[in-house]
N, C-alpha and C. Protein backbone atom coordinates (compact mmCIF):
# COMPACT_ATOMS: atom_id res chain seq x y z
N UNK A 1 10.46 19.10 1.14
CA UNK A 1 9.53 18.26 1.89
C UNK A 1 9.83 16.74 1.57
N UNK A 2 9.88 15.96 2.57
CA UNK A 2 10.06 14.51 2.44
C UNK A 2 8.96 13.84 1.67
N UNK A 3 9.29 12.75 0.93
CA UNK A 3 8.33 12.13 0.03
C UNK A 3 7.04 11.70 0.71
N UNK A 4 7.09 11.04 1.87
CA UNK A 4 5.85 10.57 2.47
C UNK A 4 5.03 11.72 2.95
N UNK A 5 5.67 12.75 3.55
CA UNK A 5 4.94 13.97 3.98
C UNK A 5 4.26 14.62 2.77
N UNK A 6 4.95 14.62 1.61
CA UNK A 6 4.40 15.26 0.42
C UNK A 6 3.22 14.43 -0.07
N UNK A 7 3.32 13.14 -0.09
CA UNK A 7 2.16 12.27 -0.60
C UNK A 7 0.98 12.39 0.35
N UNK A 8 1.21 12.47 1.64
CA UNK A 8 0.10 12.61 2.54
C UNK A 8 -0.58 13.99 2.41
N UNK A 9 0.21 15.02 2.18
CA UNK A 9 -0.33 16.42 1.99
C UNK A 9 -1.19 16.38 0.72
N UNK A 10 -0.77 15.71 -0.32
CA UNK A 10 -1.51 15.65 -1.59
C UNK A 10 -2.83 14.90 -1.40
N UNK A 11 -2.76 13.81 -0.57
CA UNK A 11 -3.89 12.98 -0.29
C UNK A 11 -4.99 13.82 0.47
N UNK A 12 -4.52 14.65 1.44
CA UNK A 12 -5.45 15.48 2.26
C UNK A 12 -6.14 16.46 1.32
N UNK A 13 -5.48 16.94 0.30
CA UNK A 13 -6.04 17.93 -0.65
C UNK A 13 -6.87 17.39 -1.76
N UNK A 14 -6.90 15.99 -1.79
CA UNK A 14 -7.59 15.29 -2.89
C UNK A 14 -6.83 15.33 -4.18
N UNK A 15 -5.50 15.57 -4.09
CA UNK A 15 -4.70 15.76 -5.27
C UNK A 15 -3.69 14.60 -5.56
N UNK A 16 -3.90 13.48 -4.84
CA UNK A 16 -3.04 12.28 -5.04
C UNK A 16 -3.90 11.28 -5.80
N UNK A 17 -3.56 11.08 -7.09
CA UNK A 17 -4.42 10.19 -7.91
C UNK A 17 -4.24 8.74 -7.61
N UNK A 18 -3.33 8.39 -6.70
CA UNK A 18 -3.06 6.97 -6.34
C UNK A 18 -3.84 6.57 -5.09
N UNK A 19 -4.58 7.48 -4.49
CA UNK A 19 -5.30 7.19 -3.22
C UNK A 19 -6.33 6.03 -3.46
N UNK A 20 -6.24 5.09 -2.67
CA UNK A 20 -7.25 3.99 -2.63
C UNK A 20 -8.38 4.45 -1.71
N UNK A 21 -8.01 4.72 -0.50
CA UNK A 21 -9.00 5.27 0.47
C UNK A 21 -8.32 5.74 1.74
N UNK A 22 -9.10 6.55 2.49
CA UNK A 22 -8.68 6.99 3.82
C UNK A 22 -8.92 5.90 4.83
N UNK A 23 -7.91 5.56 5.60
CA UNK A 23 -8.06 4.55 6.60
C UNK A 23 -7.98 5.25 7.95
N UNK A 24 -8.42 4.59 9.06
CA UNK A 24 -8.36 5.24 10.37
C UNK A 24 -6.96 5.74 10.67
N UNK A 25 -5.89 5.05 10.21
CA UNK A 25 -4.57 5.46 10.55
C UNK A 25 -3.83 6.27 9.48
N UNK A 26 -4.42 6.43 8.36
CA UNK A 26 -3.73 7.15 7.28
C UNK A 26 -4.36 6.87 5.88
N UNK A 27 -3.56 6.82 4.89
CA UNK A 27 -3.96 6.67 3.50
C UNK A 27 -3.44 5.42 2.85
N UNK A 28 -4.32 4.67 2.27
CA UNK A 28 -3.85 3.53 1.37
C UNK A 28 -3.73 4.10 0.01
N UNK A 29 -2.57 3.89 -0.63
CA UNK A 29 -2.32 4.39 -1.93
C UNK A 29 -1.67 3.26 -2.82
N UNK A 30 -1.95 3.37 -4.14
CA UNK A 30 -1.34 2.47 -5.09
C UNK A 30 0.13 2.81 -5.12
N UNK A 31 0.98 1.82 -5.46
CA UNK A 31 2.39 2.08 -5.64
C UNK A 31 2.64 2.85 -6.91
N UNK A 32 3.77 3.53 -7.01
CA UNK A 32 4.11 4.32 -8.21
C UNK A 32 4.29 3.40 -9.40
N UNK A 33 4.71 2.18 -9.12
CA UNK A 33 4.86 1.19 -10.22
C UNK A 33 4.02 -0.04 -9.85
N UNK A 34 3.66 -0.75 -10.88
CA UNK A 34 2.82 -1.92 -10.70
C UNK A 34 3.38 -3.18 -11.34
N UNK A 35 4.57 -3.52 -11.05
CA UNK A 35 5.20 -4.76 -11.50
C UNK A 35 4.48 -5.94 -10.88
N UNK A 36 3.89 -5.75 -9.70
CA UNK A 36 3.04 -6.75 -9.02
C UNK A 36 1.69 -6.05 -8.95
N UNK A 37 0.75 -6.34 -9.72
CA UNK A 37 -0.54 -5.68 -9.76
C UNK A 37 -1.23 -5.65 -8.42
N UNK A 38 -1.54 -4.47 -7.89
CA UNK A 38 -2.14 -4.28 -6.59
C UNK A 38 -1.15 -3.84 -5.54
N UNK A 39 0.15 -3.74 -5.95
CA UNK A 39 1.16 -3.17 -5.03
C UNK A 39 0.68 -1.81 -4.56
N UNK A 40 0.66 -1.71 -3.19
CA UNK A 40 0.23 -0.46 -2.59
C UNK A 40 1.00 -0.16 -1.33
N UNK A 41 0.72 0.99 -0.72
CA UNK A 41 1.38 1.37 0.54
C UNK A 41 0.33 1.91 1.47
N UNK A 42 0.69 1.90 2.79
CA UNK A 42 -0.11 2.59 3.80
C UNK A 42 0.78 3.68 4.38
N UNK A 43 0.26 4.93 4.20
CA UNK A 43 0.97 6.09 4.70
C UNK A 43 0.26 6.63 5.87
N UNK A 44 0.94 6.88 7.06
CA UNK A 44 0.28 7.34 8.27
C UNK A 44 -0.09 8.79 8.14
N UNK A 45 -1.19 9.16 8.82
CA UNK A 45 -1.56 10.53 8.87
C UNK A 45 -2.06 10.81 10.30
N UNK A 46 -1.29 11.48 11.10
CA UNK A 46 -0.10 12.31 10.70
C UNK A 46 1.11 11.44 10.45
N UNK A 47 2.07 12.00 9.73
CA UNK A 47 3.26 11.33 9.38
C UNK A 47 4.19 11.24 10.62
N UNK A 48 4.80 10.15 10.90
CA UNK A 48 5.76 9.94 11.95
C UNK A 48 7.03 9.32 11.37
N UNK A 49 8.08 9.29 12.13
CA UNK A 49 9.36 8.73 11.65
C UNK A 49 9.33 7.23 11.53
N UNK A 50 8.71 6.61 12.50
CA UNK A 50 8.73 5.17 12.52
C UNK A 50 7.52 4.54 13.34
N UNK A 51 7.32 3.28 13.20
CA UNK A 51 6.26 2.62 13.90
C UNK A 51 6.41 2.80 15.44
N UNK A 52 7.68 2.92 15.85
CA UNK A 52 8.00 3.01 17.24
C UNK A 52 7.62 4.43 17.83
N UNK A 53 7.32 5.39 16.91
CA UNK A 53 6.94 6.69 17.32
C UNK A 53 5.43 6.86 17.62
N UNK A 54 4.70 5.78 17.36
CA UNK A 54 3.27 5.80 17.55
C UNK A 54 3.01 5.26 19.00
N UNK A 55 1.99 5.76 19.66
CA UNK A 55 1.62 5.24 20.94
C UNK A 55 1.00 3.79 20.67
N UNK A 56 0.82 2.99 21.69
CA UNK A 56 0.32 1.64 21.50
C UNK A 56 -0.95 1.55 20.77
N UNK A 57 -1.90 2.42 21.03
CA UNK A 57 -3.19 2.42 20.38
C UNK A 57 -3.06 2.74 18.93
N UNK A 58 -2.32 3.82 18.58
CA UNK A 58 -2.17 4.22 17.17
C UNK A 58 -1.36 3.08 16.45
N UNK A 59 -0.45 2.52 17.10
CA UNK A 59 0.41 1.45 16.50
C UNK A 59 -0.54 0.33 16.11
N UNK A 60 -1.41 -0.11 17.00
CA UNK A 60 -2.31 -1.23 16.74
C UNK A 60 -3.28 -0.90 15.56
N UNK A 61 -3.74 0.35 15.49
CA UNK A 61 -4.67 0.74 14.44
C UNK A 61 -3.89 0.73 13.10
N UNK A 62 -2.68 1.21 13.10
CA UNK A 62 -1.88 1.23 11.87
C UNK A 62 -1.70 -0.24 11.35
N UNK A 63 -1.33 -1.13 12.23
CA UNK A 63 -1.06 -2.52 11.82
C UNK A 63 -2.31 -3.21 11.41
N UNK A 64 -3.44 -2.88 12.04
CA UNK A 64 -4.69 -3.47 11.59
C UNK A 64 -5.09 -2.95 10.22
N UNK A 65 -4.91 -1.65 10.02
CA UNK A 65 -5.17 -1.06 8.64
C UNK A 65 -4.28 -1.76 7.57
N UNK A 66 -3.05 -1.99 7.92
CA UNK A 66 -2.15 -2.61 7.01
C UNK A 66 -2.69 -3.99 6.63
N UNK A 67 -3.15 -4.79 7.60
CA UNK A 67 -3.69 -6.09 7.28
C UNK A 67 -5.03 -5.94 6.52
N UNK A 68 -5.89 -4.93 6.82
CA UNK A 68 -7.10 -4.77 6.06
C UNK A 68 -6.85 -4.48 4.55
N UNK A 69 -5.88 -3.59 4.33
CA UNK A 69 -5.57 -3.34 2.95
C UNK A 69 -5.04 -4.62 2.23
N UNK A 70 -4.24 -5.34 2.99
CA UNK A 70 -3.71 -6.59 2.43
C UNK A 70 -4.85 -7.56 2.14
N UNK A 71 -5.78 -7.64 3.03
CA UNK A 71 -6.95 -8.48 2.79
C UNK A 71 -7.79 -8.06 1.54
N UNK A 72 -7.89 -6.80 1.41
CA UNK A 72 -8.62 -6.20 0.21
C UNK A 72 -7.86 -6.52 -1.04
N UNK A 73 -6.56 -6.34 -1.08
CA UNK A 73 -5.76 -6.62 -2.26
C UNK A 73 -5.85 -8.12 -2.58
N UNK A 74 -5.75 -8.96 -1.56
CA UNK A 74 -5.82 -10.37 -1.79
C UNK A 74 -7.13 -10.85 -2.41
N UNK A 75 -8.22 -10.20 -1.93
CA UNK A 75 -9.58 -10.51 -2.53
C UNK A 75 -9.69 -9.92 -3.89
N UNK A 76 -9.05 -8.82 -4.18
CA UNK A 76 -9.27 -8.15 -5.50
C UNK A 76 -8.36 -8.72 -6.54
N UNK A 77 -7.40 -9.56 -6.15
CA UNK A 77 -6.45 -10.07 -7.18
C UNK A 77 -6.48 -11.63 -7.09
N UNK A 78 -5.66 -12.29 -7.91
CA UNK A 78 -5.43 -13.68 -7.82
C UNK A 78 -4.16 -13.99 -7.15
N UNK A 79 -3.75 -13.12 -6.25
CA UNK A 79 -2.44 -13.34 -5.48
C UNK A 79 -2.56 -14.52 -4.60
N UNK A 80 -1.39 -15.16 -4.40
CA UNK A 80 -1.29 -16.36 -3.52
C UNK A 80 -1.17 -15.93 -2.08
N UNK A 81 -0.47 -14.83 -1.84
CA UNK A 81 -0.18 -14.32 -0.50
C UNK A 81 0.16 -12.90 -0.55
N UNK A 82 0.30 -12.24 0.62
CA UNK A 82 0.70 -10.88 0.75
C UNK A 82 2.02 -10.76 1.47
N UNK A 83 2.85 -9.82 1.08
CA UNK A 83 4.08 -9.49 1.78
C UNK A 83 3.95 -8.07 2.33
N UNK A 84 4.36 -7.87 3.51
CA UNK A 84 4.34 -6.53 4.12
C UNK A 84 5.73 -6.15 4.52
N UNK A 85 6.10 -4.88 4.17
CA UNK A 85 7.47 -4.47 4.54
C UNK A 85 7.46 -3.00 5.06
N UNK A 86 7.96 -2.80 6.25
CA UNK A 86 8.16 -1.47 6.77
C UNK A 86 9.71 -1.33 6.94
N UNK A 87 10.27 -0.49 6.11
CA UNK A 87 11.69 -0.31 6.03
C UNK A 87 12.09 1.05 6.59
N UNK A 88 11.91 2.10 5.78
CA UNK A 88 12.24 3.46 6.20
C UNK A 88 13.69 3.87 6.14
N UNK A 89 14.48 3.10 5.40
CA UNK A 89 15.94 3.45 5.37
C UNK A 89 16.24 4.59 4.36
N UNK A 90 15.60 4.49 3.20
CA UNK A 90 15.79 5.59 2.22
C UNK A 90 14.76 6.68 2.35
N UNK A 91 13.59 6.39 2.77
CA UNK A 91 12.55 7.37 3.09
C UNK A 91 12.24 7.25 4.55
N UNK A 92 12.92 8.08 5.41
CA UNK A 92 12.83 7.87 6.84
C UNK A 92 11.55 8.43 7.48
N UNK A 93 10.40 8.03 6.94
CA UNK A 93 9.11 8.28 7.53
C UNK A 93 8.34 7.01 7.41
N UNK A 94 7.50 6.73 8.39
CA UNK A 94 6.75 5.46 8.41
C UNK A 94 5.91 5.30 7.13
N UNK A 95 6.06 4.14 6.53
CA UNK A 95 5.18 3.74 5.39
C UNK A 95 5.36 2.21 5.28
N UNK A 96 4.35 1.56 4.94
CA UNK A 96 4.28 0.11 4.76
C UNK A 96 4.09 -0.25 3.28
N UNK A 97 4.98 -1.05 2.68
CA UNK A 97 4.85 -1.60 1.36
C UNK A 97 4.00 -2.84 1.46
N UNK A 98 2.95 -2.88 0.66
CA UNK A 98 2.05 -4.12 0.68
C UNK A 98 2.11 -4.74 -0.70
N UNK A 99 2.73 -5.89 -0.80
CA UNK A 99 2.99 -6.55 -2.03
C UNK A 99 2.19 -7.86 -2.26
N UNK A 100 1.30 -7.90 -3.24
CA UNK A 100 0.71 -9.14 -3.55
C UNK A 100 1.72 -10.04 -4.28
N UNK A 101 1.77 -11.32 -3.97
CA UNK A 101 2.71 -12.23 -4.65
C UNK A 101 1.94 -13.27 -5.38
N UNK A 102 2.34 -13.59 -6.63
CA UNK A 102 1.61 -14.40 -7.52
C UNK A 102 2.33 -15.68 -7.96
N UNK A 103 1.64 -16.67 -8.23
CA UNK A 103 2.18 -18.02 -8.74
C UNK A 103 2.76 -17.72 -10.12
N UNK A 104 2.32 -16.73 -10.84
CA UNK A 104 2.69 -16.45 -12.18
C UNK A 104 4.06 -15.69 -12.20
N UNK A 105 4.58 -15.33 -11.09
CA UNK A 105 5.92 -14.62 -11.10
C UNK A 105 7.02 -15.56 -11.58
N UNK A 106 8.02 -14.96 -12.24
CA UNK A 106 9.16 -15.82 -12.67
C UNK A 106 9.80 -16.57 -11.47
N UNK A 107 10.22 -17.78 -11.70
CA UNK A 107 10.79 -18.47 -10.58
C UNK A 107 11.94 -17.78 -9.86
N UNK A 108 12.73 -17.06 -10.57
CA UNK A 108 13.85 -16.32 -9.92
C UNK A 108 13.43 -15.14 -9.14
N UNK A 109 12.16 -14.74 -9.26
CA UNK A 109 11.69 -13.55 -8.45
C UNK A 109 10.67 -13.96 -7.38
N UNK A 110 9.90 -15.01 -7.66
CA UNK A 110 8.77 -15.43 -6.74
C UNK A 110 9.20 -15.64 -5.32
N UNK A 111 10.38 -16.22 -5.11
CA UNK A 111 10.80 -16.52 -3.73
C UNK A 111 11.73 -15.46 -3.09
N UNK A 112 11.90 -14.39 -3.86
CA UNK A 112 12.79 -13.27 -3.37
C UNK A 112 11.93 -12.04 -3.00
N UNK A 113 12.51 -11.19 -2.17
CA UNK A 113 11.80 -9.90 -1.91
C UNK A 113 11.47 -9.16 -3.17
N UNK A 114 10.51 -8.42 -3.17
CA UNK A 114 10.03 -7.61 -4.34
C UNK A 114 11.13 -6.61 -4.83
N UNK A 115 12.08 -6.33 -3.93
CA UNK A 115 13.12 -5.39 -4.28
C UNK A 115 14.05 -5.93 -5.35
N UNK A 116 13.95 -7.21 -5.70
CA UNK A 116 14.83 -7.79 -6.73
C UNK A 116 14.27 -7.56 -8.09
N UNK A 117 13.04 -6.98 -8.21
CA UNK A 117 12.50 -6.65 -9.47
C UNK A 117 13.27 -5.43 -10.03
N UNK A 118 13.08 -5.15 -11.30
CA UNK A 118 13.66 -3.95 -12.00
C UNK A 118 12.67 -2.83 -11.82
N UNK A 119 12.82 -2.07 -10.75
CA UNK A 119 11.91 -0.96 -10.44
C UNK A 119 12.00 0.15 -11.47
N UNK A 120 13.16 0.42 -11.94
CA UNK A 120 13.33 1.55 -12.92
C UNK A 120 12.64 1.34 -14.19
N UNK A 121 12.45 0.03 -14.59
CA UNK A 121 11.80 -0.23 -15.88
C UNK A 121 10.40 -0.86 -15.66
N UNK A 122 9.90 -0.82 -14.48
CA UNK A 122 8.58 -1.37 -14.15
C UNK A 122 7.48 -0.48 -14.68
N UNK A 123 6.34 -1.10 -14.95
CA UNK A 123 5.15 -0.30 -15.48
C UNK A 123 4.70 0.67 -14.44
N UNK A 124 4.64 1.94 -14.78
CA UNK A 124 4.20 2.97 -13.86
C UNK A 124 2.71 2.84 -13.62
N UNK A 125 2.22 3.19 -12.49
CA UNK A 125 0.80 3.32 -12.19
C UNK A 125 0.15 4.28 -13.26
N UNK A 126 -0.97 3.84 -13.78
CA UNK A 126 -1.72 4.66 -14.67
C UNK A 126 -3.22 4.43 -14.37
N UNK A 127 -3.95 5.49 -14.12
CA UNK A 127 -5.38 5.35 -13.82
C UNK A 127 -6.14 4.55 -14.87
N UNK A 128 -5.79 4.84 -16.17
CA UNK A 128 -6.51 4.16 -17.24
C UNK A 128 -6.21 2.67 -17.28
N UNK A 129 -5.14 2.26 -16.80
CA UNK A 129 -4.75 0.85 -16.75
C UNK A 129 -5.11 0.16 -15.41
N UNK A 130 -4.84 0.91 -14.36
CA UNK A 130 -4.95 0.27 -13.02
C UNK A 130 -6.13 0.81 -12.19
N UNK A 131 -6.85 1.79 -12.72
CA UNK A 131 -7.93 2.38 -11.97
C UNK A 131 -8.99 1.47 -11.49
N UNK A 132 -9.37 0.51 -12.36
CA UNK A 132 -10.42 -0.47 -11.97
C UNK A 132 -9.93 -1.25 -10.74
N UNK A 133 -8.71 -1.72 -10.73
CA UNK A 133 -8.17 -2.48 -9.57
C UNK A 133 -8.11 -1.58 -8.37
N UNK A 134 -7.71 -0.35 -8.48
CA UNK A 134 -7.72 0.62 -7.36
C UNK A 134 -9.14 0.72 -6.78
N UNK A 135 -10.12 0.91 -7.65
CA UNK A 135 -11.46 1.13 -7.17
C UNK A 135 -12.02 -0.22 -6.50
N UNK A 136 -11.61 -1.41 -7.08
CA UNK A 136 -12.06 -2.65 -6.42
C UNK A 136 -11.43 -2.79 -5.03
N UNK A 137 -10.20 -2.50 -4.93
CA UNK A 137 -9.57 -2.57 -3.57
C UNK A 137 -10.19 -1.62 -2.65
N UNK A 138 -10.51 -0.38 -3.15
CA UNK A 138 -11.17 0.64 -2.33
C UNK A 138 -12.56 0.18 -1.83
N UNK A 139 -13.31 -0.45 -2.71
CA UNK A 139 -14.65 -0.96 -2.31
C UNK A 139 -14.51 -2.07 -1.25
N UNK A 140 -13.61 -2.99 -1.49
CA UNK A 140 -13.42 -4.09 -0.52
C UNK A 140 -12.90 -3.52 0.87
N UNK A 141 -12.01 -2.60 0.82
CA UNK A 141 -11.58 -1.99 2.06
C UNK A 141 -12.66 -1.20 2.80
N UNK A 142 -13.50 -0.56 2.04
CA UNK A 142 -14.64 0.14 2.60
C UNK A 142 -15.58 -0.83 3.35
N UNK A 143 -15.78 -1.96 2.68
CA UNK A 143 -16.68 -2.99 3.27
C UNK A 143 -16.03 -3.45 4.64
N UNK A 144 -14.75 -3.66 4.62
CA UNK A 144 -14.09 -4.12 5.84
C UNK A 144 -14.20 -3.08 6.95
N UNK A 145 -14.02 -1.86 6.57
CA UNK A 145 -14.04 -0.74 7.54
C UNK A 145 -15.51 -0.54 8.03
N UNK A 146 -16.47 -0.89 7.28
CA UNK A 146 -17.84 -0.79 7.68
C UNK A 146 -18.30 -2.04 8.46
N UNK A 147 -17.38 -3.03 8.60
CA UNK A 147 -17.72 -4.21 9.33
C UNK A 147 -18.46 -5.25 8.56
N UNK A 148 -18.52 -5.08 7.27
CA UNK A 148 -19.28 -6.01 6.38
C UNK A 148 -18.44 -7.17 5.90
N UNK A 149 -17.13 -7.04 6.05
CA UNK A 149 -16.37 -8.19 5.58
C UNK A 149 -15.17 -8.51 6.54
């Protein structure tokens, strides 16, 4: 089973400990590593190969959800800005990486894509360490979805 399909199946069963919340277009989840605190992804449900495989309405909902999660992360952290990346080259199923970017990042990394970080040695997501931030992002996203923010 492909990685995104597997993660969505786990989220549906309530067995994905990185789930932030269910969005109209899919699942917001914390990234496996947290070298940039608040790094998360938006996984579509149902899973499709690419953004181009969604009809215009589903595409608009997915992109709006992407921005909503970005807004929630921005409010939950001291990030300066958000970066959004939809690639799909190594995992050929739609998913969006949502990266908060910080003034405190090293100069040699701050102006580069997040892919220039050392992912293999990055701090892995751990509920005991990152759970409060996950819950804060979830609460803010929930407010946005309810039309309160």
